[in-house]
């Protein structure tokens, strides 16, 4: 598993893996960053998109906003 999981408004958008910000490769993120590189977060994982503009608040906000509606809803927590 990654070092940190990144949530946006309660949904998982990606994570930080080995000092790299990676997001889920869904249609909206691919459309937002058509030239982004695909990288593996860790051995045995599915490829994710590498974020180049980590210093741009506007870029990240726009990306996460674009991805939000397409991301799956969080799974309900199990009751004990």
Protein backbone atom coordinates (compact mmCIF):
# COMPACT_ATOMS: atom_id res chain seq x y z
CA UNK A 1 0.00 0.00 0.00
CA UNK A 2 1.09 3.59 -0.52
CA UNK A 3 2.57 5.97 1.95
CA UNK A 4 -0.48 8.26 1.92
CA UNK A 5 -3.94 7.97 0.37
CA UNK A 6 -5.36 11.26 -0.97
CA UNK A 7 -9.06 11.99 -0.47
CA UNK A 8 -11.10 14.74 -2.11
CA UNK A 9 -14.50 15.40 -0.54
CA UNK A 10 -14.56 11.88 0.92
CA UNK A 11 -13.52 10.00 -2.24
CA UNK A 12 -10.11 8.49 -2.98
CA UNK A 13 -8.41 10.27 -5.90
CA UNK A 14 -4.93 8.77 -5.55
CA UNK A 15 -1.97 8.70 -3.25
CA UNK A 16 1.65 9.56 -2.59
CA UNK A 17 3.99 6.68 -3.39
CA UNK A 18 7.77 6.99 -3.09
CA UNK A 19 7.55 10.81 -3.22
CA UNK A 20 5.31 10.74 -6.32
CA UNK A 21 1.71 11.96 -6.48
CA UNK A 22 -0.32 9.46 -8.50
CA UNK A 23 -4.04 9.57 -9.30
CA UNK A 24 -6.52 7.02 -10.59
CA UNK A 25 -6.51 6.73 -14.40
CA UNK A 26 -10.19 7.40 -14.99
CA UNK A 27 -11.58 9.12 -18.10
CA UNK A 28 -11.75 12.55 -16.48
CA UNK A 29 -8.15 12.49 -15.21
CA UNK A 30 -6.86 11.18 -18.56
CA UNK A 31 -8.78 13.93 -20.39
CA UNK A 32 -7.46 16.56 -17.96
CA UNK A 33 -3.84 15.39 -18.40
CA UNK A 34 -3.61 13.70 -21.82
CA UNK A 35 0.20 13.59 -21.79
CA UNK A 36 0.58 12.25 -18.24
CA UNK A 37 2.84 9.25 -17.71
CA UNK A 38 1.54 5.99 -16.30
CA UNK A 39 3.51 4.58 -13.36
CA UNK A 40 3.16 1.73 -10.91
CA UNK A 41 2.67 2.88 -7.33
CA UNK A 42 4.20 -0.39 -6.05
CA UNK A 43 4.90 -3.89 -7.34
CA UNK A 44 1.76 -5.75 -8.29
CA UNK A 45 -0.45 -2.64 -8.42
CA UNK A 46 -2.37 -1.19 -11.35
CA UNK A 47 -0.82 1.74 -13.19
CA UNK A 48 -1.77 5.24 -12.13
CA UNK A 49 -1.18 8.70 -13.62
CA UNK A 50 1.84 10.69 -12.45
CA UNK A 51 1.05 14.30 -11.50
CA UNK A 52 3.62 16.78 -12.73
CA UNK A 53 2.06 20.00 -11.39
CA UNK A 54 2.18 19.26 -7.66
CA UNK A 55 3.14 22.86 -6.88
CA UNK A 56 0.08 24.32 -8.62
CA UNK A 57 -2.92 24.67 -6.32
CA UNK A 58 -5.11 25.65 -9.28
CA UNK A 59 -4.07 22.60 -11.32
CA UNK A 60 -4.69 20.12 -8.48
CA UNK A 61 -8.01 21.71 -7.53
CA UNK A 62 -9.18 21.58 -11.15
CA UNK A 63 -8.03 17.98 -11.56
CA UNK A 64 -9.69 16.72 -8.37
CA UNK A 65 -12.89 18.65 -9.19
CA UNK A 66 -12.95 17.11 -12.69
CA UNK A 67 -12.48 13.61 -11.25
CA UNK A 68 -15.02 13.83 -8.41
CA UNK A 69 -18.27 12.80 -10.16
CA UNK A 70 -16.62 9.82 -11.84
CA UNK A 71 -15.05 8.40 -8.66
CA UNK A 72 -16.91 5.66 -6.79
CA UNK A 73 -18.70 6.51 -3.58
CA UNK A 74 -16.93 5.43 -0.40
CA UNK A 75 -17.83 1.98 0.84
CA UNK A 76 -20.06 2.01 3.93
CA UNK A 77 -18.30 1.06 7.12
CA UNK A 78 -19.20 -2.30 8.62
CA UNK A 79 -21.16 -2.21 11.84
CA UNK A 80 -19.75 -4.17 14.73
